PDB file of N, CA and C in Angstrom:
ATOM      1  N   UNK A   1      58.572 158.251  74.024  1.00  0.00           N
ATOM      2  CA  UNK A   1      57.628 157.945  75.063  1.00  0.00           C
ATOM      3  C   UNK A   1      58.167 156.773  75.897  1.00  0.00           C
ATOM      4  N   UNK A   2      58.126 156.913  77.214  1.00  0.00           N
ATOM      5  CA  UNK A   2      58.587 155.866  78.115  1.00  0.00           C
ATOM      6  C   UNK A   2      57.586 154.723  78.142  1.00  0.00           C
ATOM      7  N   UNK A   3      58.103 153.518  78.089  1.00  0.00           N
ATOM      8  CA  UNK A   3      57.265 152.323  78.180  1.00  0.00           C
ATOM      9  C   UNK A   3      57.829 151.427  79.271  1.00  0.00           C
ATOM     10  N   UNK A   4      56.968 150.629  79.873  1.00  0.00           N
ATOM     11  CA  UNK A   4      57.366 149.746  80.962  1.00  0.00           C
ATOM     12  C   UNK A   4      57.016 148.308  80.624  1.00  0.00           C
ATOM     13  N   UNK A   5      57.876 147.389  81.036  1.00  0.00           N
ATOM     14  CA  UNK A   5      57.606 145.961  80.939  1.00  0.00           C
ATOM     15  C   UNK A   5      57.742 145.404  82.351  1.00  0.00           C
ATOM     16  N   UNK A   6      56.712 144.737  82.837  1.00  0.00           N
ATOM     17  CA  UNK A   6      56.744 144.136  84.166  1.00  0.00           C
ATOM     18  C   UNK A   6      56.849 142.624  84.021  1.00  0.00           C
ATOM     19  N   UNK A   7      57.778 142.033  84.746  1.00  0.00           N
ATOM     20  CA  UNK A   7      57.917 140.583  84.776  1.00  0.00           C
ATOM     21  C   UNK A   7      57.563 140.151  86.190  1.00  0.00           C
ATOM     22  N   UNK A   8      56.509 139.358  86.317  1.00  0.00           N
ATOM     23  CA  UNK A   8      56.068 138.906  87.638  1.00  0.00           C
ATOM     24  C   UNK A   8      56.058 137.390  87.670  1.00  0.00           C
ATOM     25  N   UNK A   9      56.038 136.855  88.859  1.00  0.00           N
ATOM     26  CA  UNK A   9      56.025 135.402  88.967  1.00  0.00           C
ATOM     27  C   UNK A   9      55.621 134.928  90.335  1.00  0.00           C
ATOM     28  N   UNK A  10      54.882 135.740  91.053  1.00  0.00           N
ATOM     29  CA  UNK A  10      54.450 135.318  92.372  1.00  0.00           C
ATOM     30  C   UNK A  10      55.591 135.318  93.361  1.00  0.00           C
ATOM     31  N   UNK A  11      55.480 134.425  94.346  1.00  0.00           N
ATOM     32  CA  UNK A  11      56.464 134.387  95.423  1.00  0.00           C
ATOM     33  C   UNK A  11      57.455 133.241  95.272  1.00  0.00           C
ATOM     34  N   UNK A  12      57.378 132.509  94.178  1.00  0.00           N
ATOM     35  CA  UNK A  12      58.293 131.392  93.970  1.00  0.00           C
ATOM     36  C   UNK A  12      59.627 131.931  93.462  1.00  0.00           C
ATOM     37  N   UNK A  13      60.689 131.551  94.136  1.00  0.00           N
ATOM     38  CA  UNK A  13      62.017 132.007  93.761  1.00  0.00           C
ATOM     39  C   UNK A  13      62.656 131.017  92.791  1.00  0.00           C
ATOM     40  N   UNK A  14      63.688 131.447  92.119  1.00  0.00           N
ATOM     41  CA  UNK A  14      64.495 130.607  91.229  1.00  0.00           C
ATOM     42  C   UNK A  14      63.747 130.104  90.000  1.00  0.00           C
ATOM     43  N   UNK A  15      62.793 130.872  89.520  1.00  0.00           N
ATOM     44  CA  UNK A  15      62.094 130.504  88.288  1.00  0.00           C
ATOM     45  C   UNK A  15      62.793 131.038  87.045  1.00  0.00           C
ATOM     46  N   UNK A  16      63.771 131.933  87.230  1.00  0.00           N
ATOM     47  CA  UNK A  16      64.467 132.506  86.088  1.00  0.00           C
ATOM     48  C   UNK A  16      63.928 133.850  85.648  1.00  0.00           C
ATOM     49  N   UNK A  17      63.130 134.498  86.502  1.00  0.00           N
ATOM     50  CA  UNK A  17      62.569 135.806  86.145  1.00  0.00           C
ATOM     51  C   UNK A  17      63.671 136.838  85.937  1.00  0.00           C
ATOM     52  N   UNK A  18      64.712 136.794  86.763  1.00  0.00           N
ATOM     53  CA  UNK A  18      65.802 137.761  86.642  1.00  0.00           C
ATOM     54  C   UNK A  18      66.588 137.587  85.356  1.00  0.00           C
ATOM     55  N   UNK A  19      66.902 136.350  85.015  1.00  0.00           N
ATOM     56  CA  UNK A  19      67.631 136.081  83.769  1.00  0.00           C
ATOM     57  C   UNK A  19      66.752 136.421  82.572  1.00  0.00           C
ATOM     58  N   UNK A  20      65.468 136.075  82.644  1.00  0.00           N
ATOM     59  CA  UNK A  20      64.548 136.399  81.542  1.00  0.00           C
ATOM     60  C   UNK A  20      64.442 137.911  81.361  1.00  0.00           C
ATOM     61  N   UNK A  21      64.350 138.649  82.472  1.00  0.00           N
ATOM     62  CA  UNK A  21      64.261 140.112  82.405  1.00  0.00           C
ATOM     63  C   UNK A  21      65.533 140.707  81.814  1.00  0.00           C
ATOM     64  N   UNK A  22      66.680 140.220  82.280  1.00  0.00           N
ATOM     65  CA  UNK A  22      67.962 140.718  81.772  1.00  0.00           C
ATOM     66  C   UNK A  22      68.114 140.407  80.285  1.00  0.00           C
ATOM     67  N   UNK A  23      67.679 139.230  79.878  1.00  0.00           N
ATOM     68  CA  UNK A  23      67.763 138.846  78.461  1.00  0.00           C
ATOM     69  C   UNK A  23      66.880 139.732  77.600  1.00  0.00           C
ATOM     70  N   UNK A  24      65.661 139.972  78.060  1.00  0.00           N
ATOM     71  CA  UNK A  24      64.748 140.846  77.320  1.00  0.00           C
ATOM     72  C   UNK A  24      65.328 142.254  77.214  1.00  0.00           C
ATOM     73  N   UNK A  25      65.891 142.753  78.313  1.00  0.00           N
ATOM     74  CA  UNK A  25      66.501 144.090  78.297  1.00  0.00           C
ATOM     75  C   UNK A  25      67.663 144.142  77.306  1.00  0.00           C
ATOM     76  N   UNK A  26      68.469 143.086  77.262  1.00  0.00           N
ATOM     77  CA  UNK A  26      69.596 143.047  76.322  1.00  0.00           C
ATOM     78  C   UNK A  26      69.100 143.052  74.877  1.00  0.00           C
ATOM     79  N   UNK A  27      68.021 142.328  74.610  1.00  0.00           N
ATOM     80  CA  UNK A  27      67.450 142.328  73.256  1.00  0.00           C
ATOM     81  C   UNK A  27      66.933 143.711  72.874  1.00  0.00           C
ATOM     82  N   UNK A  28      66.229 144.361  73.798  1.00  0.00           N
ATOM     83  CA  UNK A  28      65.712 145.708  73.527  1.00  0.00           C
ATOM     84  C   UNK A  28      66.863 146.691  73.309  1.00  0.00           C
ATOM     85  N   UNK A  29      67.900 146.566  74.135  1.00  0.00           N
ATOM     86  CA  UNK A  29      69.061 147.445  74.005  1.00  0.00           C
ATOM     87  C   UNK A  29      69.762 147.215  72.657  1.00  0.00           C
ATOM     88  N   UNK A  30      69.814 145.970  72.206  1.00  0.00           N
ATOM     89  CA  UNK A  30      70.458 145.673  70.918  1.00  0.00           C
ATOM     90  C   UNK A  30      69.691 146.277  69.746  1.00  0.00           C
ATOM     91  N   UNK A  31      68.430 146.609  69.965  1.00  0.00           N
ATOM     92  CA  UNK A  31      67.604 147.253  68.942  1.00  0.00           C
ATOM     93  C   UNK A  31      67.673 148.775  69.040  1.00  0.00           C
ATOM     94  N   UNK A  32      68.566 149.285  69.902  1.00  0.00           N
ATOM     95  CA  UNK A  32      68.775 150.723  69.996  1.00  0.00           C
ATOM     96  C   UNK A  32      67.962 151.433  71.058  1.00  0.00           C
ATOM     97  N   UNK A  33      67.250 150.685  71.879  1.00  0.00           N
ATOM     98  CA  UNK A  33      66.451 151.317  72.931  1.00  0.00           C
ATOM     99  C   UNK A  33      67.288 151.516  74.192  1.00  0.00           C
ATOM    100  N   UNK A  34      66.981 152.575  74.930  1.00  0.00           N
ATOM    101  CA  UNK A  34      67.598 152.782  76.238  1.00  0.00           C
ATOM    102  C   UNK A  34      66.788 151.999  77.258  1.00  0.00           C
ATOM    103  N   UNK A  35      67.468 151.198  78.056  1.00  0.00           N
ATOM    104  CA  UNK A  35      66.765 150.378  79.039  1.00  0.00           C
ATOM    105  C   UNK A  35      67.391 150.549  80.412  1.00  0.00           C
ATOM    106  N   UNK A  36      66.591 150.313  81.422  1.00  0.00           N
ATOM    107  CA  UNK A  36      67.083 150.151  82.779  1.00  0.00           C
ATOM    108  C   UNK A  36      66.205 149.106  83.430  1.00  0.00           C
ATOM    109  N   UNK A  37      66.700 148.513  84.476  1.00  0.00           N
ATOM    110  CA  UNK A  37      65.964 147.464  85.164  1.00  0.00           C
ATOM    111  C   UNK A  37      65.843 147.821  86.632  1.00  0.00           C
ATOM    112  N   UNK A  38      64.735 147.397  87.232  1.00  0.00           N
ATOM    113  CA  UNK A  38      64.518 147.583  88.660  1.00  0.00           C
ATOM    114  C   UNK A  38      64.011 146.272  89.227  1.00  0.00           C
ATOM    115  N   UNK A  39      64.296 146.041  90.491  1.00  0.00           N
ATOM    116  CA  UNK A  39      63.830 144.827  91.161  1.00  0.00           C
ATOM    117  C   UNK A  39      63.057 145.238  92.397  1.00  0.00           C
ATOM    118  N   UNK A  40      61.833 144.758  92.510  1.00  0.00           N
ATOM    119  CA  UNK A  40      61.003 145.004  93.681  1.00  0.00           C
ATOM    120  C   UNK A  40      60.790 143.676  94.376  1.00  0.00           C
ATOM    121  N   UNK A  41      61.249 143.559  95.613  1.00  0.00           N
ATOM    122  CA  UNK A  41      61.146 142.312  96.365  1.00  0.00           C
ATOM    123  C   UNK A  41      60.110 142.447  97.468  1.00  0.00           C
ATOM    124  N   UNK A  42      59.274 141.419  97.658  1.00  0.00           N
ATOM    125  CA  UNK A  42      58.192 141.513  98.637  1.00  0.00           C
ATOM    126  C   UNK A  42      58.609 141.243 100.077  1.00  0.00           C
ATOM    127  N   UNK A  43      59.854 140.858 100.331  1.00  0.00           N
ATOM    128  CA  UNK A  43      60.201 140.510 101.704  1.00  0.00           C
ATOM    129  C   UNK A  43      60.297 141.743 102.595  1.00  0.00           C
ATOM    130  N   UNK A  44      60.081 141.513 103.893  1.00  0.00           N
ATOM    131  CA  UNK A  44      60.064 142.602 104.879  1.00  0.00           C
ATOM    132  C   UNK A  44      61.480 143.036 105.261  1.00  0.00           C
ATOM    133  N   UNK A  45      62.476 142.227 104.982  1.00  0.00           N
ATOM    134  CA  UNK A  45      63.859 142.629 105.249  1.00  0.00           C
ATOM    135  C   UNK A  45      64.158 143.920 104.490  1.00  0.00           C
ATOM    136  N   UNK A  46      64.982 144.779 105.078  1.00  0.00           N
ATOM    137  CA  UNK A  46      65.339 146.034 104.425  1.00  0.00           C
ATOM    138  C   UNK A  46      66.226 145.770 103.212  1.00  0.00           C
ATOM    139  N   UNK A  47      67.138 144.818 103.321  1.00  0.00           N
ATOM    140  CA  UNK A  47      67.947 144.394 102.176  1.00  0.00           C
ATOM    141  C   UNK A  47      68.379 142.954 102.425  1.00  0.00           C
ATOM    142  N   UNK A  48      68.919 142.279 101.427  1.00  0.00           N
ATOM    143  CA  UNK A  48      69.292 140.872 101.610  1.00  0.00           C
ATOM    144  C   UNK A  48      70.642 140.665 102.298  1.00  0.00           C
ATOM    145  N   UNK A  49      71.272 141.739 102.748  1.00  0.00           N
ATOM    146  CA  UNK A  49      72.616 141.656 103.310  1.00  0.00           C
ATOM    147  C   UNK A  49      72.762 140.707 104.474  1.00  0.00           C
ATOM    148  N   UNK A  50      71.734 140.573 105.310  1.00  0.00           N
ATOM    149  CA  UNK A  50      71.829 139.681 106.466  1.00  0.00           C
ATOM    150  C   UNK A  50      70.988 138.418 106.299  1.00  0.00           C
ATOM    151  N   UNK A  51      70.432 138.224 105.114  1.00  0.00           N
ATOM    152  CA  UNK A  51      69.619 137.032 104.876  1.00  0.00           C
ATOM    153  C   UNK A  51      70.515 135.841 104.543  1.00  0.00           C
ATOM    154  N   UNK A  52      70.054 134.662 104.883  1.00  0.00           N
ATOM    155  CA  UNK A  52      70.803 133.447 104.587  1.00  0.00           C
ATOM    156  C   UNK A  52      70.901 133.238 103.079  1.00  0.00           C
ATOM    157  N   UNK A  53      72.105 133.056 102.558  1.00  0.00           N
ATOM    158  CA  UNK A  53      72.231 132.792 101.122  1.00  0.00           C
ATOM    159  C   UNK A  53      71.581 131.466 100.721  1.00  0.00           C
ATOM    160  N   UNK A  54      71.373 130.570 101.691  1.00  0.00           N
ATOM    161  CA  UNK A  54      70.693 129.311 101.396  1.00  0.00           C
ATOM    162  C   UNK A  54      69.206 129.536 101.160  1.00  0.00           C
ATOM    163  N   UNK A  55      68.645 130.575 101.784  1.00  0.00           N
ATOM    164  CA  UNK A  55      67.229 130.884 101.601  1.00  0.00           C
ATOM    165  C   UNK A  55      66.996 131.866 100.464  1.00  0.00           C
ATOM    166  N   UNK A  56      67.910 132.805 100.292  1.00  0.00           N
ATOM    167  CA  UNK A  56      67.666 133.894  99.346  1.00  0.00           C
ATOM    168  C   UNK A  56      68.613 133.917  98.162  1.00  0.00           C
ATOM    169  N   UNK A  57      69.768 133.340  98.296  1.00  0.00           N
ATOM    170  CA  UNK A  57      70.777 133.417  97.238  1.00  0.00           C
ATOM    171  C   UNK A  57      71.839 134.444  97.590  1.00  0.00           C
ATOM    172  N   UNK A  58      72.790 134.588  96.705  1.00  0.00           N
ATOM    173  CA  UNK A  58      73.897 135.508  96.930  1.00  0.00           C
ATOM    174  C   UNK A  58      73.436 136.961  96.884  1.00  0.00           C
ATOM    175  N   UNK A  59      74.228 137.820  97.503  1.00  0.00           N
ATOM    176  CA  UNK A  59      73.969 139.258  97.518  1.00  0.00           C
ATOM    177  C   UNK A  59      74.847 139.911  96.451  1.00  0.00           C
ATOM    178  N   UNK A  60      74.284 140.872  95.716  1.00  0.00           N
ATOM    179  CA  UNK A  60      75.065 141.653  94.757  1.00  0.00           C
ATOM    180  C   UNK A  60      75.245 143.048  95.338  1.00  0.00           C
ATOM    181  N   UNK A  61      76.484 143.523  95.405  1.00  0.00           N
ATOM    182  CA  UNK A  61      76.779 144.852  95.945  1.00  0.00           C
ATOM    183  C   UNK A  61      76.995 145.808  94.776  1.00  0.00           C
ATOM    184  N   UNK A  62      76.192 146.876  94.734  1.00  0.00           N
ATOM    185  CA  UNK A  62      76.290 147.860  93.654  1.00  0.00           C
ATOM    186  C   UNK A  62      77.476 148.792  93.900  1.00  0.00           C
ATOM    187  N   UNK A  63      77.808 149.591  92.896  1.00  0.00           N
ATOM    188  CA  UNK A  63      78.944 150.516  93.018  1.00  0.00           C
ATOM    189  C   UNK A  63      78.770 151.503  94.170  1.00  0.00           C
ATOM    190  N   UNK A  64      77.512 151.845  94.504  1.00  0.00           N
ATOM    191  CA  UNK A  64      77.288 152.779  95.615  1.00  0.00           C
ATOM    192  C   UNK A  64      77.193 152.056  96.959  1.00  0.00           C
ATOM    193  N   UNK A  65      77.508 150.759  96.987  1.00  0.00           N
ATOM    194  CA  UNK A  65      77.590 150.014  98.236  1.00  0.00           C
ATOM    195  C   UNK A  65      76.307 149.357  98.701  1.00  0.00           C
ATOM    196  N   UNK A  66      75.249 149.437  97.931  1.00  0.00           N
ATOM    197  CA  UNK A  66      73.980 148.833  98.338  1.00  0.00           C
ATOM    198  C   UNK A  66      74.059 147.313  98.224  1.00  0.00           C
ATOM    199  N   UNK A  67      73.570 146.625  99.250  1.00  0.00           N
ATOM    200  CA  UNK A  67      73.477 145.169  99.211  1.00  0.00           C
ATOM    201  C   UNK A  67      72.122 144.824  98.615  1.00  0.00           C
ATOM    202  N   UNK A  68      72.135 144.252  97.414  1.00  0.00           N
ATOM    203  CA  UNK A  68      70.902 144.042  96.664  1.00  0.00           C
ATOM    204  C   UNK A  68      70.755 142.580  96.254  1.00  0.00           C
ATOM    205  N   UNK A  69      69.646 142.318  95.622  1.00  0.00           N
ATOM    206  CA  UNK A  69      69.346 140.990  95.114  1.00  0.00           C
ATOM    207  C   UNK A  69      70.345 140.587  94.026  1.00  0.00           C
ATOM    208  N   UNK A  70      70.626 139.305  93.944  1.00  0.00           N
ATOM    209  CA  UNK A  70      71.544 138.770  92.942  1.00  0.00           C
ATOM    210  C   UNK A  70      71.138 139.151  91.520  1.00  0.00           C
ATOM    211  N   UNK A  71      69.839 139.310  91.280  1.00  0.00           N
ATOM    212  CA  UNK A  71      69.376 139.660  89.935  1.00  0.00           C
ATOM    213  C   UNK A  71      69.998 140.955  89.427  1.00  0.00           C
ATOM    214  N   UNK A  72      70.304 141.901  90.311  1.00  0.00           N
ATOM    215  CA  UNK A  72      70.932 143.134  89.841  1.00  0.00           C
ATOM    216  C   UNK A  72      72.291 142.852  89.215  1.00  0.00           C
ATOM    217  N   UNK A  73      72.987 141.852  89.714  1.00  0.00           N
ATOM    218  CA  UNK A  73      74.242 141.440  89.095  1.00  0.00           C
ATOM    219  C   UNK A  73      74.023 140.898  87.691  1.00  0.00           C
ATOM    220  N   UNK A  74      72.953 140.109  87.527  1.00  0.00           N
ATOM    221  CA  UNK A  74      72.612 139.622  86.182  1.00  0.00           C
ATOM    222  C   UNK A  74      72.298 140.800  85.271  1.00  0.00           C
ATOM    223  N   UNK A  75      71.510 141.738  85.770  1.00  0.00           N
ATOM    224  CA  UNK A  75      71.127 142.899  84.958  1.00  0.00           C
ATOM    225  C   UNK A  75      72.364 143.645  84.463  1.00  0.00           C
ATOM    226  N   UNK A  76      73.309 143.893  85.377  1.00  0.00           N
ATOM    227  CA  UNK A  76      74.513 144.646  84.993  1.00  0.00           C
ATOM    228  C   UNK A  76      75.360 143.893  83.972  1.00  0.00           C
ATOM    229  N   UNK A  77      75.393 142.579  84.060  1.00  0.00           N
ATOM    230  CA  UNK A  77      76.196 141.807  83.108  1.00  0.00           C
ATOM    231  C   UNK A  77      75.548 141.744  81.727  1.00  0.00           C
ATOM    232  N   UNK A  78      74.224 141.870  81.667  1.00  0.00           N
ATOM    233  CA  UNK A  78      73.525 141.735  80.390  1.00  0.00           C
ATOM    234  C   UNK A  78      73.374 143.057  79.643  1.00  0.00           C
ATOM    235  N   UNK A  79      73.284 144.177  80.365  1.00  0.00           N
ATOM    236  CA  UNK A  79      73.072 145.477  79.711  1.00  0.00           C
ATOM    237  C   UNK A  79      74.188 146.439  80.086  1.00  0.00           C
ATOM    238  N   UNK A  80      74.219 147.587  79.430  1.00  0.00           N
ATOM    239  CA  UNK A  80      75.299 148.556  79.641  1.00  0.00           C
ATOM    240  C   UNK A  80      75.058 149.489  80.828  1.00  0.00           C
ATOM    241  N   UNK A  81      73.932 149.389  81.482  1.00  0.00           N
ATOM    242  CA  UNK A  81      73.577 150.291  82.573  1.00  0.00           C
ATOM    243  C   UNK A  81      74.227 149.854  83.882  1.00  0.00           C
ATOM    244  N   UNK A  82      74.795 150.809  84.620  1.00  0.00           N
ATOM    245  CA  UNK A  82      75.281 150.561  85.977  1.00  0.00           C
ATOM    246  C   UNK A  82      74.116 150.824  86.918  1.00  0.00           C
ATOM    247  N   UNK A  83      73.867 149.899  87.811  1.00  0.00           N
ATOM    248  CA  UNK A  83      72.729 150.024  88.714  1.00  0.00           C
ATOM    249  C   UNK A  83      73.180 150.496  90.088  1.00  0.00           C
ATOM    250  N   UNK A  84      72.228 151.032  90.845  1.00  0.00           N
ATOM    251  CA  UNK A  84      72.513 151.555  92.182  1.00  0.00           C
ATOM    252  C   UNK A  84      71.403 151.115  93.129  1.00  0.00           C
ATOM    253  N   UNK A  85      71.471 151.614  94.364  1.00  0.00           N
ATOM    254  CA  UNK A  85      70.436 151.267  95.339  1.00  0.00           C
ATOM    255  C   UNK A  85      69.054 151.710  94.873  1.00  0.00           C
ATOM    256  N   UNK A  86      68.984 152.664  93.972  1.00  0.00           N
ATOM    257  CA  UNK A  86      67.694 153.137  93.456  1.00  0.00           C
ATOM    258  C   UNK A  86      67.015 152.110  92.556  1.00  0.00           C
ATOM    259  N   UNK A  87      67.717 151.057  92.201  1.00  0.00           N
ATOM    260  CA  UNK A  87      67.164 150.048  91.300  1.00  0.00           C
ATOM    261  C   UNK A  87      66.642 148.817  92.033  1.00  0.00           C
ATOM    262  N   UNK A  88      66.667 148.813  93.370  1.00  0.00           N
ATOM    263  CA  UNK A  88      66.211 147.665  94.148  1.00  0.00           C
ATOM    264  C   UNK A  88      65.395 148.150  95.334  1.00  0.00           C
ATOM    265  N   UNK A  89      64.147 147.704  95.411  1.00  0.00           N
ATOM    266  CA  UNK A  89      63.265 148.082  96.515  1.00  0.00           C
ATOM    267  C   UNK A  89      62.751 146.828  97.198  1.00  0.00           C
ATOM    268  N   UNK A  90      62.600 146.906  98.513  1.00  0.00           N
ATOM    269  CA  UNK A  90      61.973 145.820  99.262  1.00  0.00           C
ATOM    270  C   UNK A  90      60.787 146.393 100.025  1.00  0.00           C
ATOM    271  N   UNK A  91      59.865 145.515 100.388  1.00  0.00           N
ATOM    272  CA  UNK A  91      58.746 145.942 101.223  1.00  0.00           C
ATOM    273  C   UNK A  91      59.277 146.521 102.530  1.00  0.00           C
ATOM    274  N   UNK A  92      60.350 145.915 103.054  1.00  0.00           N
ATOM    275  CA  UNK A  92      60.946 146.408 104.293  1.00  0.00           C
ATOM    276  C   UNK A  92      61.433 147.842 104.177  1.00  0.00           C
ATOM    277  N   UNK A  93      62.030 148.207 103.038  1.00  0.00           N
ATOM    278  CA  UNK A  93      62.477 149.590 102.834  1.00  0.00           C
ATOM    279  C   UNK A  93      61.288 150.542 102.798  1.00  0.00           C
ATOM    280  N   UNK A  94      60.228 150.125 102.135  1.00  0.00           N
ATOM    281  CA  UNK A  94      59.041 150.978 102.040  1.00  0.00           C
ATOM    282  C   UNK A  94      58.420 151.159 103.415  1.00  0.00           C
ATOM    283  N   UNK A  95      58.249 150.056 104.167  1.00  0.00           N
ATOM    284  CA  UNK A  95      57.700 150.158 105.525  1.00  0.00           C
ATOM    285  C   UNK A  95      58.571 151.057 106.395  1.00  0.00           C
ATOM    286  N   UNK A  96      59.888 150.892 106.292  1.00  0.00           N
ATOM    287  CA  UNK A  96      60.811 151.698 107.092  1.00  0.00           C
ATOM    288  C   UNK A  96      60.600 153.191 106.830  1.00  0.00           C
ATOM    289  N   UNK A  97      60.453 153.568 105.575  1.00  0.00           N
ATOM    290  CA  UNK A  97      60.238 154.982 105.227  1.00  0.00           C
ATOM    291  C   UNK A  97      58.889 155.486 105.722  1.00  0.00           C
ATOM    292  N   UNK A  98      57.864 154.666 105.559  1.00  0.00           N
ATOM    293  CA  UNK A  98      56.526 155.067 106.004  1.00  0.00           C
ATOM    294  C   UNK A  98      56.509 155.252 107.517  1.00  0.00           C
ATOM    295  N   UNK A  99      57.106 154.331 108.254  1.00  0.00           N
ATOM    296  CA  UNK A  99      57.135 154.432 109.713  1.00  0.00           C
ATOM    297  C   UNK A  99      57.940 155.649 110.152  1.00  0.00           C
ATOM    298  N   UNK A 100      59.056 155.916 109.495  1.00  0.00           N
ATOM    299  CA  UNK A 100      59.853 157.104 109.827  1.00  0.00           C
ATOM    300  C   UNK A 100      59.023 158.375 109.641  1.00  0.00           C
ATOM    301  N   UNK A 101      58.286 158.447 108.519  1.00  0.00           N
ATOM    302  CA  UNK A 101      57.444 159.623 108.261  1.00  0.00           C
ATOM    303  C   UNK A 101      56.317 159.724 109.288  1.00  0.00           C
ATOM    304  N   UNK A 102      55.744 158.590 109.664  1.00  0.00           N
ATOM    305  CA  UNK A 102      54.668 158.598 110.660  1.00  0.00           C
ATOM    306  C   UNK A 102      55.202 159.101 111.996  1.00  0.00           C
ATOM    307  N   UNK A 103      56.387 158.676 112.400  1.00  0.00           N
ATOM    308  CA  UNK A 103      56.991 159.095 113.669  1.00  0.00           C
ATOM    309  C   UNK A 103      57.304 160.586 113.668  1.00  0.00           C
ATOM    310  N   UNK A 104      57.636 161.136 112.496  1.00  0.00           N
ATOM    311  CA  UNK A 104      57.915 162.569 112.375  1.00  0.00           C
ATOM    312  C   UNK A 104      56.643 163.396 112.390  1.00  0.00           C
ATOM    313  N   UNK A 105      55.500 162.758 112.198  1.00  0.00           N
ATOM    314  CA  UNK A 105      54.240 163.488 112.157  1.00  0.00           C
ATOM    315  C   UNK A 105      53.818 163.920 110.770  1.00  0.00           C
ATOM    316  N   UNK A 106      54.451 163.357 109.758  1.00  0.00           N
ATOM    317  CA  UNK A 106      54.141 163.763 108.385  1.00  0.00           C
ATOM    318  C   UNK A 106      52.709 163.457 107.962  1.00  0.00           C
ATOM    319  N   UNK A 107      52.046 162.525 108.639  1.00  0.00           N
ATOM    320  CA  UNK A 107      50.680 162.158 108.253  1.00  0.00           C
ATOM    321  C   UNK A 107      49.621 162.879 109.088  1.00  0.00           C
ATOM    322  N   UNK A 108      50.073 163.853 109.897  1.00  0.00           N
ATOM    323  CA  UNK A 108      49.176 164.715 110.679  1.00  0.00           C
ATOM    324  C   UNK A 108      48.183 163.928 111.518  1.00  0.00           C
ATOM    325  N   UNK A 109      48.647 162.837 112.139  1.00  0.00           N
ATOM    326  CA  UNK A 109      47.797 162.064 113.033  1.00  0.00           C
ATOM    327  C   UNK A 109      46.862 161.093 112.349  1.00  0.00           C
ATOM    328  N   UNK A 110      46.907 161.033 111.046  1.00  0.00           N
ATOM    329  CA  UNK A 110      46.034 160.106 110.316  1.00  0.00           C
ATOM    330  C   UNK A 110      46.461 158.660 110.529  1.00  0.00           C
ATOM    331  N   UNK A 111      45.512 157.755 110.360  1.00  0.00           N
ATOM    332  CA  UNK A 111      45.800 156.336 110.478  1.00  0.00           C
ATOM    333  C   UNK A 111      46.583 155.872 109.255  1.00  0.00           C
ATOM    334  N   UNK A 112      47.686 155.202 109.504  1.00  0.00           N
ATOM    335  CA  UNK A 112      48.508 154.662 108.426  1.00  0.00           C
ATOM    336  C   UNK A 112      48.304 153.151 108.452  1.00  0.00           C
ATOM    337  N   UNK A 113      47.772 152.601 107.372  1.00  0.00           N
ATOM    338  CA  UNK A 113      47.487 151.171 107.368  1.00  0.00           C
ATOM    339  C   UNK A 113      47.690 150.567 105.986  1.00  0.00           C
ATOM    340  N   UNK A 114      47.892 149.264 105.984  1.00  0.00           N
ATOM    341  CA  UNK A 114      47.992 148.521 104.733  1.00  0.00           C
ATOM    342  C   UNK A 114      46.591 148.058 104.377  1.00  0.00           C
ATOM    343  N   UNK A 115      46.165 148.373 103.179  1.00  0.00           N
ATOM    344  CA  UNK A 115      44.857 147.930 102.712  1.00  0.00           C
ATOM    345  C   UNK A 115      45.098 146.978 101.545  1.00  0.00           C
ATOM    346  N   UNK A 116      45.008 145.663 101.807  1.00  0.00           N
ATOM    347  CA  UNK A 116      45.265 144.712 100.718  1.00  0.00           C
ATOM    348  C   UNK A 116      44.175 144.779  99.658  1.00  0.00           C
ATOM    349  N   UNK A 117      44.545 144.454  98.456  1.00  0.00           N
ATOM    350  CA  UNK A 117      43.561 144.462  97.378  1.00  0.00           C
ATOM    351  C   UNK A 117      43.680 143.218  96.540  1.00  0.00           C
TER     352      UNK A 117
END
């Protein structure tokens, strides 16, 4: 049975959530479990490739060429899994896809809106 562990920490960066997540994954993997890690970032940028490293940190480039958050580099060093662009999502990527679908008419004229909760 698939199980999920979510590590959250608000919008404060550099708290060590990525290292803590990678460490936990390594411990689970050492116990014989199959693990993978994903990173969901709340920023509107599509990827960190053009963001200032002083504001966001270094960029990690996956084997498939995706410019991702530095945490993916930590994840790859701690566990045996190779990560790809499918392991890193940003709000900007999600908005980009939703807007593309809206422009194509996929929502049949319905209102597309963000409803905060």
